[in-house]
Amino acid sequence: MQLRNVLKELQKQGLQIISSHKGFSRHVIEVTGKAPAHLPVLTETKNGQTRQVRPAKLHGQIIIFIER
């Protein structure tokens, strides 16, 4: 599925897209919004800041829900 279709679907669900970039084999899209509760919570460090994220996949692309 094309990236723009994935982005449209995320926006339709009411999620705010922070950034997207090409990973090793698929796109990584960072969003804010209500993440499903069944997703695991991971702690990552990006740009010197520690944050909690919930990773998921949508149509073969990686979606990362940013916990704020």
C-alpha atoms as a PDB file:
ATOM      1  CA  MET A   1       0.000   0.000   0.000  1.00  0.00           C
ATOM      2  CA  GLN A   2       1.251   3.476  -0.779  1.00  0.00           C
ATOM      3  CA  LEU A   3       2.415   5.715   2.014  1.00  0.00           C
ATOM      4  CA  ARG A   4      -0.103   8.472   1.290  1.00  0.00           C
ATOM      5  CA  ASN A   5      -3.015   6.023   1.715  1.00  0.00           C
ATOM      6  CA  VAL A   6      -1.669   5.005   5.127  1.00  0.00           C
ATOM      7  CA  LEU A   7      -1.311   8.669   6.122  1.00  0.00           C
ATOM      8  CA  LYS A   8      -4.895   9.406   5.025  1.00  0.00           C
ATOM      9  CA  GLU A   9      -6.207   6.491   7.056  1.00  0.00           C
ATOM     10  CA  LEU A  10      -4.326   7.636  10.165  1.00  0.00           C
ATOM     11  CA  GLN A  11      -5.685  11.176   9.809  1.00  0.00           C
ATOM     12  CA  LYS A  12      -9.202   9.778   9.331  1.00  0.00           C
ATOM     13  CA  GLN A  13      -8.811   8.010  12.689  1.00  0.00           C
ATOM     14  CA  GLY A  14      -8.075  11.377  14.325  1.00  0.00           C
ATOM     15  CA  LEU A  15      -4.336  10.872  14.856  1.00  0.00           C
ATOM     16  CA  GLN A  16      -1.855  13.717  14.476  1.00  0.00           C
ATOM     17  CA  ILE A  17       1.164  12.788  12.353  1.00  0.00           C
ATOM     18  CA  ILE A  18       4.424  14.106  13.811  1.00  0.00           C
ATOM     19  CA  SER A  19       6.908  12.705  11.289  1.00  0.00           C
ATOM     20  CA  SER A  20       7.567   9.912   8.840  1.00  0.00           C
ATOM     21  CA  HIS A  21      10.817   8.541   7.514  1.00  0.00           C
ATOM     22  CA  LYS A  22      12.050   5.559   5.566  1.00  0.00           C
ATOM     23  CA  GLY A  23      13.339   2.771   7.783  1.00  0.00           C
ATOM     24  CA  PHE A  24      15.421  -0.198   6.672  1.00  0.00           C
ATOM     25  CA  SER A  25      12.627  -1.975   4.822  1.00  0.00           C
ATOM     26  CA  ARG A  26       9.472   0.069   5.505  1.00  0.00           C
ATOM     27  CA  HIS A  27       8.311   3.529   6.513  1.00  0.00           C
ATOM     28  CA  VAL A  28       8.194   4.590  10.159  1.00  0.00           C
ATOM     29  CA  ILE A  29       5.378   7.000  11.012  1.00  0.00           C
ATOM     30  CA  GLU A  30       5.257   8.772  14.384  1.00  0.00           C
ATOM     31  CA  VAL A  31       1.796   9.851  15.557  1.00  0.00           C
ATOM     32  CA  THR A  32       0.125  11.245  18.665  1.00  0.00           C
ATOM     33  CA  GLY A  33      -3.347  10.279  19.742  1.00  0.00           C
ATOM     34  CA  LYS A  34      -5.103   7.511  21.620  1.00  0.00           C
ATOM     35  CA  ALA A  35      -3.214   4.247  21.137  1.00  0.00           C
ATOM     36  CA  PRO A  36      -4.949   0.891  21.550  1.00  0.00           C
ATOM     37  CA  ALA A  37      -4.442  -0.411  25.094  1.00  0.00           C
ATOM     38  CA  HIS A  38      -3.287  -3.869  24.004  1.00  0.00           C
ATOM     39  CA  LEU A  39      -0.070  -2.531  22.437  1.00  0.00           C
ATOM     40  CA  PRO A  40       3.121  -2.940  24.487  1.00  0.00           C
ATOM     41  CA  VAL A  41       4.770   0.153  25.964  1.00  0.00           C
ATOM     42  CA  LEU A  42       8.450   0.641  25.111  1.00  0.00           C
ATOM     43  CA  THR A  43      10.873   3.252  26.382  1.00  0.00           C
ATOM     44  CA  GLU A  44      13.193   4.811  23.813  1.00  0.00           C
ATOM     45  CA  THR A  45      15.681   7.649  23.746  1.00  0.00           C
ATOM     46  CA  LYS A  46      15.570  10.060  20.813  1.00  0.00           C
ATOM     47  CA  ASN A  47      17.606  13.260  20.594  1.00  0.00           C
ATOM     48  CA  GLY A  48      18.664  12.854  24.219  1.00  0.00           C
ATOM     49  CA  GLN A  49      15.085  12.642  25.528  1.00  0.00           C
ATOM     50  CA  THR A  50      13.484   9.506  26.928  1.00  0.00           C
ATOM     51  CA  ARG A  51       9.898   8.834  25.886  1.00  0.00           C
ATOM     52  CA  GLN A  52       7.364   6.029  26.020  1.00  0.00           C
ATOM     53  CA  VAL A  53       6.023   4.699  22.726  1.00  0.00           C
ATOM     54  CA  ARG A  54       3.623   2.000  21.526  1.00  0.00           C
ATOM     55  CA  PRO A  55       4.625   0.377  18.211  1.00  0.00           C
ATOM     56  CA  ALA A  56       2.104  -1.109  15.760  1.00  0.00           C
ATOM     57  CA  LYS A  57       1.863  -2.058  12.076  1.00  0.00           C
ATOM     58  CA  LEU A  58      -0.634  -0.779   9.523  1.00  0.00           C
ATOM     59  CA  HIS A  59      -0.578  -2.132   5.966  1.00  0.00           C
ATOM     60  CA  GLY A  60       3.059  -3.201   6.362  1.00  0.00           C
ATOM     61  CA  GLN A  61       4.226   0.178   7.679  1.00  0.00           C
ATOM     62  CA  ILE A  62       5.404   0.781  11.263  1.00  0.00           C
ATOM     63  CA  ILE A  63       3.276   3.169  13.311  1.00  0.00           C
ATOM     64  CA  ILE A  64       4.711   4.537  16.571  1.00  0.00           C
ATOM     65  CA  PHE A  65       2.237   6.084  19.020  1.00  0.00           C
ATOM     66  CA  ILE A  66       4.009   8.722  21.128  1.00  0.00           C
ATOM     67  CA  GLU A  67       2.831   8.861  24.738  1.00  0.00           C
ATOM     68  CA  ARG A  68       2.754  12.450  25.976  1.00  0.00           C
END
